[in-house]
Amino acid sequence: MAAITVTFNNYGTEAVVVMQSGEVIGTLPPVVPITYTSTALVIDPGKEVHIQQQVQGGLTAAVCAVPANQLKNGDVVDDNLAWGEGVACNITPPTR
C-alpha cells in the first residue's frame, strides 16, 4: 500500500509519540503555552496507528488509536478526547 501524509495534533499537556508497527514515527511536544502542537507524518495506511503518552522510564501509555485502512491522504488525527486504552482518535478529512 502506498504511503500517505497525515497530520497529527496533540492537545494534551504531556508529550506524545505516534507509533506504527511498534516503532516511534513521530513525537509531539505538550501544548504549553499554545492550543495544540502539530506535525505531518508519512504513514502506511494499511497498518494501525497508535498515539502514546511518554512516561518516565521510556515507557508509554495509551492515548488513542486508528485502525488500519481508516486514514486517507491529508486526514488530520486529533487526541482531543479522554485518553485511554481502546479509545479511537478523532479523524478529520482534509478541507478541499
PDB file of N, CA and C in Angstrom:
ATOM      1  N   MET A   1       0.850  -1.177   0.000  1.00  0.00           N
ATOM      2  CA  MET A   1       0.000   0.000   0.000  1.00  0.00           C
ATOM      3  C   MET A   1       0.894   1.237   0.000  1.00  0.00           C
ATOM      4  N   ALA A   2       0.527   2.228  -0.796  1.00  0.00           N
ATOM      5  CA  ALA A   2       1.331   3.448  -0.907  1.00  0.00           C
ATOM      6  C   ALA A   2       1.227   4.288   0.359  1.00  0.00           C
ATOM      7  N   ALA A   3       2.343   4.893   0.742  1.00  0.00           N
ATOM      8  CA  ALA A   3       2.385   5.759   1.930  1.00  0.00           C
ATOM      9  C   ALA A   3       1.558   7.014   1.690  1.00  0.00           C
ATOM     10  N   ILE A   4       1.008   7.552   2.777  1.00  0.00           N
ATOM     11  CA  ILE A   4       0.232   8.791   2.735  1.00  0.00           C
ATOM     12  C   ILE A   4       0.759   9.737   3.809  1.00  0.00           C
ATOM     13  N   THR A   5       0.396  11.016   3.693  1.00  0.00           N
ATOM     14  CA  THR A   5       0.777  12.010   4.695  1.00  0.00           C
ATOM     15  C   THR A   5      -0.454  12.390   5.509  1.00  0.00           C
ATOM     16  N   VAL A   6      -0.311  12.299   6.821  1.00  0.00           N
ATOM     17  CA  VAL A   6      -1.395  12.593   7.760  1.00  0.00           C
ATOM     18  C   VAL A   6      -0.856  13.573   8.799  1.00  0.00           C
ATOM     19  N   THR A   7      -1.668  14.551   9.212  1.00  0.00           N
ATOM     20  CA  THR A   7      -1.274  15.497  10.256  1.00  0.00           C
ATOM     21  C   THR A   7      -1.799  15.004  11.598  1.00  0.00           C
ATOM     22  N   PHE A   8      -0.932  15.028  12.597  1.00  0.00           N
ATOM     23  CA  PHE A   8      -1.301  14.622  13.957  1.00  0.00           C
ATOM     24  C   PHE A   8      -1.256  15.847  14.853  1.00  0.00           C
ATOM     25  N   ASN A   9      -2.312  16.058  15.657  1.00  0.00           N
ATOM     26  CA  ASN A   9      -2.389  17.186  16.585  1.00  0.00           C
ATOM     27  C   ASN A   9      -2.449  16.672  18.017  1.00  0.00           C
ATOM     28  N   ASN A  10      -1.614  17.252  18.887  1.00  0.00           N
ATOM     29  CA  ASN A  10      -1.624  16.913  20.308  1.00  0.00           C
ATOM     30  C   ASN A  10      -2.229  18.065  21.093  1.00  0.00           C
ATOM     31  N   TYR A  11      -3.324  17.815  21.779  1.00  0.00           N
ATOM     32  CA  TYR A  11      -3.985  18.826  22.595  1.00  0.00           C
ATOM     33  C   TYR A  11      -3.653  18.667  24.076  1.00  0.00           C
ATOM     34  N   GLY A  12      -2.838  17.683  24.417  1.00  0.00           N
ATOM     35  CA  GLY A  12      -2.545  17.381  25.809  1.00  0.00           C
ATOM     36  C   GLY A  12      -1.393  18.176  26.383  1.00  0.00           C
ATOM     37  N   THR A  13      -1.347  18.212  27.699  1.00  0.00           N
ATOM     38  CA  THR A  13      -0.257  18.907  28.398  1.00  0.00           C
ATOM     39  C   THR A  13       0.948  17.992  28.600  1.00  0.00           C
ATOM     40  N   GLU A  14       0.902  16.801  28.011  1.00  0.00           N
ATOM     41  CA  GLU A  14       2.015  15.848  28.040  1.00  0.00           C
ATOM     42  C   GLU A  14       2.482  15.591  26.613  1.00  0.00           C
ATOM     43  N   ALA A  15       3.767  15.310  26.439  1.00  0.00           N
ATOM     44  CA  ALA A  15       4.288  14.936  25.132  1.00  0.00           C
ATOM     45  C   ALA A  15       3.713  13.584  24.728  1.00  0.00           C
ATOM     46  N   VAL A  16       3.515  13.384  23.423  1.00  0.00           N
ATOM     47  CA  VAL A  16       3.036  12.099  22.920  1.00  0.00           C
ATOM     48  C   VAL A  16       3.912  11.652  21.755  1.00  0.00           C
ATOM     49  N   VAL A  17       3.888  10.346  21.504  1.00  0.00           N
ATOM     50  CA  VAL A  17       4.578   9.784  20.347  1.00  0.00           C
ATOM     51  C   VAL A  17       3.537   9.119  19.454  1.00  0.00           C
ATOM     52  N   VAL A  18       3.811   9.133  18.158  1.00  0.00           N
ATOM     53  CA  VAL A  18       2.977   8.432  17.180  1.00  0.00           C
ATOM     54  C   VAL A  18       3.732   7.167  16.808  1.00  0.00           C
ATOM     55  N   MET A  19       3.047   6.025  16.887  1.00  0.00           N
ATOM     56  CA  MET A  19       3.700   4.738  16.641  1.00  0.00           C
ATOM     57  C   MET A  19       2.961   3.957  15.564  1.00  0.00           C
ATOM     58  N   GLN A  20       3.751   3.215  14.792  1.00  0.00           N
ATOM     59  CA  GLN A  20       3.177   2.306  13.814  1.00  0.00           C
ATOM     60  C   GLN A  20       4.072   1.069  13.771  1.00  0.00           C
ATOM     61  N   SER A  21       3.484  -0.088  13.823  1.00  0.00           N
ATOM     62  CA  SER A  21       4.220  -1.369  13.846  1.00  0.00           C
ATOM     63  C   SER A  21       5.236  -1.420  14.978  1.00  0.00           C
ATOM     64  N   GLY A  22       4.876  -0.828  16.130  1.00  0.00           N
ATOM     65  CA  GLY A  22       5.736  -0.868  17.302  1.00  0.00           C
ATOM     66  C   GLY A  22       6.909   0.091  17.275  1.00  0.00           C
ATOM     67  N   GLU A  23       7.009   0.916  16.243  1.00  0.00           N
ATOM     68  CA  GLU A  23       8.104   1.879  16.102  1.00  0.00           C
ATOM     69  C   GLU A  23       7.583   3.304  16.238  1.00  0.00           C
ATOM     70  N   VAL A  24       8.359   4.161  16.902  1.00  0.00           N
ATOM     71  CA  VAL A  24       8.011   5.582  17.001  1.00  0.00           C
ATOM     72  C   VAL A  24       8.304   6.230  15.655  1.00  0.00           C
ATOM     73  N   ILE A  25       7.280   6.859  15.064  1.00  0.00           N
ATOM     74  CA  ILE A  25       7.468   7.539  13.782  1.00  0.00           C
ATOM     75  C   ILE A  25       7.382   9.060  13.923  1.00  0.00           C
ATOM     76  N   GLY A  26       7.009   9.552  15.110  1.00  0.00           N
ATOM     77  CA  GLY A  26       6.953  10.989  15.336  1.00  0.00           C
ATOM     78  C   GLY A  26       6.715  11.309  16.792  1.00  0.00           C
ATOM     79  N   THR A  27       7.089  12.514  17.189  1.00  0.00           N
ATOM     80  CA  THR A  27       6.910  12.986  18.561  1.00  0.00           C
ATOM     81  C   THR A  27       6.254  14.356  18.523  1.00  0.00           C
ATOM     82  N   LEU A  28       5.274  14.563  19.390  1.00  0.00           N
ATOM     83  CA  LEU A  28       4.638  15.873  19.511  1.00  0.00           C
ATOM     84  C   LEU A  28       4.820  16.373  20.930  1.00  0.00           C
ATOM     85  N   PRO A  29       5.348  17.591  21.090  1.00  0.00           N
ATOM     86  CA  PRO A  29       5.531  18.147  22.435  1.00  0.00           C
ATOM     87  C   PRO A  29       4.200  18.510  23.071  1.00  0.00           C
ATOM     88  N   PRO A  30       4.205  18.785  24.384  1.00  0.00           N
ATOM     89  CA  PRO A  30       2.967  19.223  25.050  1.00  0.00           C
ATOM     90  C   PRO A  30       2.520  20.583  24.528  1.00  0.00           C
ATOM     91  N   VAL A  31       1.285  20.953  24.826  1.00  0.00           N
ATOM     92  CA  VAL A  31       0.683  22.164  24.274  1.00  0.00           C
ATOM     93  C   VAL A  31       1.141  23.471  24.913  1.00  0.00           C
ATOM     94  N   VAL A  32       1.721  23.426  26.066  1.00  0.00           N
ATOM     95  CA  VAL A  32       2.062  24.654  26.783  1.00  0.00           C
ATOM     96  C   VAL A  32       3.032  25.484  25.950  1.00  0.00           C
ATOM     97  N   PRO A  33       2.802  26.759  25.699  1.00  0.00           N
ATOM     98  CA  PRO A  33       1.649  27.591  26.056  1.00  0.00           C
ATOM     99  C   PRO A  33       0.642  27.744  24.931  1.00  0.00           C
ATOM    100  N   ILE A  34       0.685  26.898  23.895  1.00  0.00           N
ATOM    101  CA  ILE A  34      -0.236  27.064  22.773  1.00  0.00           C
ATOM    102  C   ILE A  34      -1.409  26.101  22.868  1.00  0.00           C
ATOM    103  N   THR A  35      -2.361  26.231  21.949  1.00  0.00           N
ATOM    104  CA  THR A  35      -3.580  25.429  21.970  1.00  0.00           C
ATOM    105  C   THR A  35      -3.323  23.960  21.646  1.00  0.00           C
ATOM    106  N   TYR A  36      -2.478  23.683  20.642  1.00  0.00           N
ATOM    107  CA  TYR A  36      -2.120  22.312  20.304  1.00  0.00           C
ATOM    108  C   TYR A  36      -0.812  22.318  19.526  1.00  0.00           C
ATOM    109  N   THR A  37      -0.155  21.170  19.464  1.00  0.00           N
ATOM    110  CA  THR A  37       1.041  21.020  18.644  1.00  0.00           C
ATOM    111  C   THR A  37       0.694  20.110  17.486  1.00  0.00           C
ATOM    112  N   SER A  38       1.396  20.264  16.379  1.00  0.00           N
ATOM    113  CA  SER A  38       1.024  19.567  15.167  1.00  0.00           C
ATOM    114  C   SER A  38       2.253  19.125  14.391  1.00  0.00           C
ATOM    115  N   THR A  39       2.155  17.974  13.737  1.00  0.00           N
ATOM    116  CA  THR A  39       3.210  17.526  12.834  1.00  0.00           C
ATOM    117  C   THR A  39       2.594  16.652  11.756  1.00  0.00           C
ATOM    118  N   ALA A  40       3.131  16.759  10.542  1.00  0.00           N
ATOM    119  CA  ALA A  40       2.699  15.900   9.435  1.00  0.00           C
ATOM    120  C   ALA A  40       3.667  14.730   9.340  1.00  0.00           C
ATOM    121  N   LEU A  41       3.133  13.520   9.237  1.00  0.00           N
ATOM    122  CA  LEU A  41       3.953  12.317   9.161  1.00  0.00           C
ATOM    123  C   LEU A  41       3.518  11.461   7.986  1.00  0.00           C
ATOM    124  N   VAL A  42       4.471  10.758   7.404  1.00  0.00           N
ATOM    125  CA  VAL A  42       4.176   9.803   6.345  1.00  0.00           C
ATOM    126  C   VAL A  42       3.938   8.455   7.009  1.00  0.00           C
ATOM    127  N   ILE A  43       2.787   7.859   6.728  1.00  0.00           N
ATOM    128  CA  ILE A  43       2.418   6.590   7.361  1.00  0.00           C
ATOM    129  C   ILE A  43       2.007   5.564   6.308  1.00  0.00           C
ATOM    130  N   ASP A  44       1.909   4.324   6.728  1.00  0.00           N
ATOM    131  CA  ASP A  44       1.353   3.251   5.910  1.00  0.00           C
ATOM    132  C   ASP A  44      -0.112   3.118   6.318  1.00  0.00           C
ATOM    133  N   PRO A  45      -1.057   3.478   5.438  1.00  0.00           N
ATOM    134  CA  PRO A  45      -2.465   3.447   5.821  1.00  0.00           C
ATOM    135  C   PRO A  45      -2.992   2.041   6.080  1.00  0.00           C
ATOM    136  N   GLY A  46      -2.267   1.030   5.664  1.00  0.00           N
ATOM    137  CA  GLY A  46      -2.691  -0.344   5.867  1.00  0.00           C
ATOM    138  C   GLY A  46      -2.336  -0.891   7.240  1.00  0.00           C
ATOM    139  N   LYS A  47      -1.706  -0.070   8.082  1.00  0.00           N
ATOM    140  CA  LYS A  47      -1.325  -0.500   9.426  1.00  0.00           C
ATOM    141  C   LYS A  47      -1.949   0.416  10.476  1.00  0.00           C
ATOM    142  N   GLU A  48      -2.290  -0.163  11.620  1.00  0.00           N
ATOM    143  CA  GLU A  48      -2.858   0.606  12.729  1.00  0.00           C
ATOM    144  C   GLU A  48      -1.861   1.656  13.216  1.00  0.00           C
ATOM    145  N   VAL A  49      -2.381   2.805  13.649  1.00  0.00           N
ATOM    146  CA  VAL A  49      -1.558   3.883  14.202  1.00  0.00           C
ATOM    147  C   VAL A  49      -1.962   4.087  15.662  1.00  0.00           C
ATOM    148  N   HIS A  50      -0.964   4.237  16.534  1.00  0.00           N
ATOM    149  CA  HIS A  50      -1.217   4.472  17.956  1.00  0.00           C
ATOM    150  C   HIS A  50      -0.582   5.787  18.382  1.00  0.00           C
ATOM    151  N   ILE A  51      -1.299   6.567  19.181  1.00  0.00           N
ATOM    152  CA  ILE A  51      -0.706   7.721  19.847  1.00  0.00           C
ATOM    153  C   ILE A  51      -0.534   7.314  21.302  1.00  0.00           C
ATOM    154  N   GLN A  52       0.673   7.497  21.816  1.00  0.00           N
ATOM    155  CA  GLN A  52       1.026   7.063  23.166  1.00  0.00           C
ATOM    156  C   GLN A  52       1.603   8.240  23.944  1.00  0.00           C
ATOM    157  N   GLN A  53       1.267   8.323  25.213  1.00  0.00           N
ATOM    158  CA  GLN A  53       1.843   9.337  26.101  1.00  0.00           C
ATOM    159  C   GLN A  53       3.213   8.862  26.559  1.00  0.00           C
ATOM    160  N   GLN A  54       4.196   9.758  26.533  1.00  0.00           N
ATOM    161  CA  GLN A  54       5.508   9.420  27.062  1.00  0.00           C
ATOM    162  C   GLN A  54       5.465   9.505  28.575  1.00  0.00           C
ATOM    163  N   VAL A  55       5.951   8.465  29.242  1.00  0.00           N
ATOM    164  CA  VAL A  55       6.009   8.462  30.700  1.00  0.00           C
ATOM    165  C   VAL A  55       7.425   8.119  31.131  1.00  0.00           C
ATOM    166  N   GLN A  56       7.709   8.268  32.414  1.00  0.00           N
ATOM    167  CA  GLN A  56       9.053   8.023  32.935  1.00  0.00           C
ATOM    168  C   GLN A  56       9.556   6.639  32.586  1.00  0.00           C
ATOM    169  N   GLY A  57      10.862   6.550  32.400  1.00  0.00           N
ATOM    170  CA  GLY A  57      11.488   5.277  32.105  1.00  0.00           C
ATOM    171  C   GLY A  57      11.367   4.855  30.656  1.00  0.00           C
ATOM    172  N   GLY A  58      10.911   5.761  29.793  1.00  0.00           N
ATOM    173  CA  GLY A  58      10.795   5.455  28.378  1.00  0.00           C
ATOM    174  C   GLY A  58       9.580   4.622  28.009  1.00  0.00           C
ATOM    175  N   LEU A  59       8.733   4.317  28.983  1.00  0.00           N
ATOM    176  CA  LEU A  59       7.520   3.562  28.701  1.00  0.00           C
ATOM    177  C   LEU A  59       6.454   4.492  28.134  1.00  0.00           C
ATOM    178  N   THR A  60       5.399   3.921  27.575  1.00  0.00           N
ATOM    179  CA  THR A  60       4.313   4.725  27.031  1.00  0.00           C
ATOM    180  C   THR A  60       2.976   4.247  27.575  1.00  0.00           C
ATOM    181  N   ALA A  61       1.990   5.139  27.573  1.00  0.00           N
ATOM    182  CA  ALA A  61       0.632   4.816  27.996  1.00  0.00           C
ATOM    183  C   ALA A  61      -0.317   5.176  26.857  1.00  0.00           C
ATOM    184  N   ALA A  62      -1.342   4.375  26.650  1.00  0.00           N
ATOM    185  CA  ALA A  62      -2.264   4.572  25.532  1.00  0.00           C
ATOM    186  C   ALA A  62      -2.977   5.918  25.607  1.00  0.00           C
ATOM    187  N   VAL A  63      -3.046   6.591  24.462  1.00  0.00           N
ATOM    188  CA  VAL A  63      -3.837   7.810  24.305  1.00  0.00           C
ATOM    189  C   VAL A  63      -5.046   7.475  23.442  1.00  0.00           C
ATOM    190  N   CYS A  64      -4.790   7.085  22.181  1.00  0.00           N
ATOM    191  CA  CYS A  64      -5.852   6.688  21.257  1.00  0.00           C
ATOM    192  C   CYS A  64      -5.220   5.957  20.082  1.00  0.00           C
ATOM    193  N   ALA A  65      -6.053   5.375  19.237  1.00  0.00           N
ATOM    194  CA  ALA A  65      -5.550   4.617  18.100  1.00  0.00           C
ATOM    195  C   ALA A  65      -6.472   4.789  16.901  1.00  0.00           C
ATOM    196  N   VAL A  66      -5.914   4.492  15.713  1.00  0.00           N
ATOM    197  CA  VAL A  66      -6.678   4.496  14.465  1.00  0.00           C
ATOM    198  C   VAL A  66      -6.470   3.120  13.825  1.00  0.00           C
ATOM    199  N   PRO A  67      -7.562   2.389  13.563  1.00  0.00           N
ATOM    200  CA  PRO A  67      -7.416   1.077  12.936  1.00  0.00           C
ATOM    201  C   PRO A  67      -6.815   1.176  11.528  1.00  0.00           C
ATOM    202  N   ALA A  68      -6.268   0.089  11.064  1.00  0.00           N
ATOM    203  CA  ALA A  68      -5.735   0.026   9.699  1.00  0.00           C
ATOM    204  C   ALA A  68      -6.829   0.364   8.688  1.00  0.00           C
ATOM    205  N   ASN A  69      -6.424   0.935   7.578  1.00  0.00           N
ATOM    206  CA  ASN A  69      -7.305   1.252   6.441  1.00  0.00           C
ATOM    207  C   ASN A  69      -8.377   2.299   6.737  1.00  0.00           C
ATOM    208  N   GLN A  70      -8.171   3.123   7.770  1.00  0.00           N
ATOM    209  CA  GLN A  70      -9.135   4.176   8.099  1.00  0.00           C
ATOM    210  C   GLN A  70      -8.675   5.559   7.649  1.00  0.00           C
ATOM    211  N   LEU A  71      -7.370   5.724   7.407  1.00  0.00           N
ATOM    212  CA  LEU A  71      -6.832   7.052   7.080  1.00  0.00           C
ATOM    213  C   LEU A  71      -6.620   7.221   5.587  1.00  0.00           C
ATOM    214  N   LYS A  72      -6.850   8.464   5.143  1.00  0.00           N
ATOM    215  CA  LYS A  72      -6.618   8.844   3.746  1.00  0.00           C
ATOM    216  C   LYS A  72      -5.628   9.998   3.723  1.00  0.00           C
ATOM    217  N   ASN A  73      -4.976  10.180   2.601  1.00  0.00           N
ATOM    218  CA  ASN A  73      -4.006  11.257   2.458  1.00  0.00           C
ATOM    219  C   ASN A  73      -4.641  12.600   2.827  1.00  0.00           C
ATOM    220  N   GLY A  74      -3.967  13.362   3.678  1.00  0.00           N
ATOM    221  CA  GLY A  74      -4.446  14.676   4.079  1.00  0.00           C
ATOM    222  C   GLY A  74      -5.318  14.691   5.323  1.00  0.00           C
ATOM    223  N   ASP A  75      -5.694  13.526   5.840  1.00  0.00           N
ATOM    224  CA  ASP A  75      -6.507  13.489   7.058  1.00  0.00           C
ATOM    225  C   ASP A  75      -5.756  14.125   8.226  1.00  0.00           C
ATOM    226  N   VAL A  76      -6.526  14.560   9.227  1.00  0.00           N
ATOM    227  CA  VAL A  76      -5.965  15.107  10.457  1.00  0.00           C
ATOM    228  C   VAL A  76      -6.430  14.216  11.610  1.00  0.00           C
ATOM    229  N   VAL A  77      -5.474  13.789  12.449  1.00  0.00           N
ATOM    230  CA  VAL A  77      -5.770  12.936  13.594  1.00  0.00           C
ATOM    231  C   VAL A  77      -5.562  13.751  14.862  1.00  0.00           C
ATOM    232  N   ASP A  78      -6.603  13.839  15.698  1.00  0.00           N
ATOM    233  CA  ASP A  78      -6.557  14.621  16.932  1.00  0.00           C
ATOM    234  C   ASP A  78      -6.667  13.718  18.153  1.00  0.00           C
ATOM    235  N   ASP A  79      -5.980  14.125  19.238  1.00  0.00           N
ATOM    236  CA  ASP A  79      -6.108  13.411  20.513  1.00  0.00           C
ATOM    237  C   ASP A  79      -6.885  14.242  21.529  1.00  0.00           C
ATOM    238  N   ASN A  80      -7.829  15.061  21.035  1.00  0.00           N
ATOM    239  CA  ASN A  80      -8.625  15.934  21.903  1.00  0.00           C
ATOM    240  C   ASN A  80      -9.854  15.188  22.440  1.00  0.00           C
ATOM    241  N   LEU A  81      -9.563  14.172  23.261  1.00  0.00           N
ATOM    242  CA  LEU A  81     -10.587  13.317  23.837  1.00  0.00           C
ATOM    243  C   LEU A  81     -10.040  12.714  25.122  1.00  0.00           C
ATOM    244  N   ALA A  82     -10.845  11.945  25.819  1.00  0.00           N
ATOM    245  CA  ALA A  82     -10.370  11.279  27.036  1.00  0.00           C
ATOM    246  C   ALA A  82      -9.409  10.168  26.620  1.00  0.00           C
ATOM    247  N   TRP A  83      -8.163  10.236  27.084  1.00  0.00           N
ATOM    248  CA  TRP A  83      -7.122   9.282  26.696  1.00  0.00           C
ATOM    249  C   TRP A  83      -7.323   7.946  27.377  1.00  0.00           C
ATOM    250  N   GLY A  84      -6.950   6.865  26.694  1.00  0.00           N
ATOM    251  CA  GLY A  84      -7.002   5.552  27.318  1.00  0.00           C
ATOM    252  C   GLY A  84      -6.906   4.418  26.322  1.00  0.00           C
ATOM    253  N   GLU A  85      -6.750   3.229  26.838  1.00  0.00           N
ATOM    254  CA  GLU A  85      -6.679   2.013  26.020  1.00  0.00           C
ATOM    255  C   GLU A  85      -8.009   1.797  25.317  1.00  0.00           C
ATOM    256  N   GLY A  86      -7.974   1.477  24.032  1.00  0.00           N
ATOM    257  CA  GLY A  86      -9.189   1.193  23.277  1.00  0.00           C
ATOM    258  C   GLY A  86      -9.948   2.415  22.810  1.00  0.00           C
ATOM    259  N   VAL A  87      -9.389   3.608  22.997  1.00  0.00           N
ATOM    260  CA  VAL A  87     -10.043   4.849  22.572  1.00  0.00           C
ATOM    261  C   VAL A  87      -9.672   5.139  21.117  1.00  0.00           C
ATOM    262  N   ALA A  88     -10.671   5.466  20.306  1.00  0.00           N
ATOM    263  CA  ALA A  88     -10.431   5.828  18.904  1.00  0.00           C
ATOM    264  C   ALA A  88     -10.091   7.309  18.808  1.00  0.00           C
ATOM    265  N   CYS A  89      -9.021   7.623  18.079  1.00  0.00           N
ATOM    266  CA  CYS A  89      -8.643   9.027  17.847  1.00  0.00           C
ATOM    267  C   CYS A  89      -9.705   9.694  16.969  1.00  0.00           C
ATOM    268  N   ASN A  90      -9.817  11.006  17.092  1.00  0.00           N
ATOM    269  CA  ASN A  90     -10.706  11.779  16.213  1.00  0.00           C
ATOM    270  C   ASN A  90     -10.006  11.972  14.870  1.00  0.00           C
ATOM    271  N   ILE A  91     -10.732  11.761  13.771  1.00  0.00           N
ATOM    272  CA  ILE A  91     -10.191  11.914  12.424  1.00  0.00           C
ATOM    273  C   ILE A  91     -11.024  12.952  11.687  1.00  0.00           C
ATOM    274  N   THR A  92     -10.331  13.928  11.091  1.00  0.00           N
ATOM    275  CA  THR A  92     -10.996  14.947  10.283  1.00  0.00           C
ATOM    276  C   THR A  92     -10.436  14.869   8.871  1.00  0.00           C
ATOM    277  N   PRO A  93     -11.310  14.731   7.865  1.00  0.00           N
ATOM    278  CA  PRO A  93     -10.805  14.704   6.494  1.00  0.00           C
ATOM    279  C   PRO A  93     -10.288  16.082   6.091  1.00  0.00           C
ATOM    280  N   PRO A  94      -9.424  16.127   5.077  1.00  0.00           N
ATOM    281  CA  PRO A  94      -8.886  17.426   4.660  1.00  0.00           C
ATOM    282  C   PRO A  94      -9.975  18.330   4.093  1.00  0.00           C
ATOM    283  N   THR A  95      -9.761  19.612   4.220  1.00  0.00           N
ATOM    284  CA  THR A  95     -10.695  20.574   3.620  1.00  0.00           C
ATOM    285  C   THR A  95     -10.309  20.709   2.160  1.00  0.00           C
ATOM    286  N   ARG A  96     -11.282  20.643   1.341  1.00  0.00           N
ATOM    287  CA  ARG A  96     -10.999  20.726  -0.103  1.00  0.00           C
ATOM    288  C   ARG A  96     -11.646  21.956  -0.682  1.00  0.00           C
TER     289      ARG A  96
END
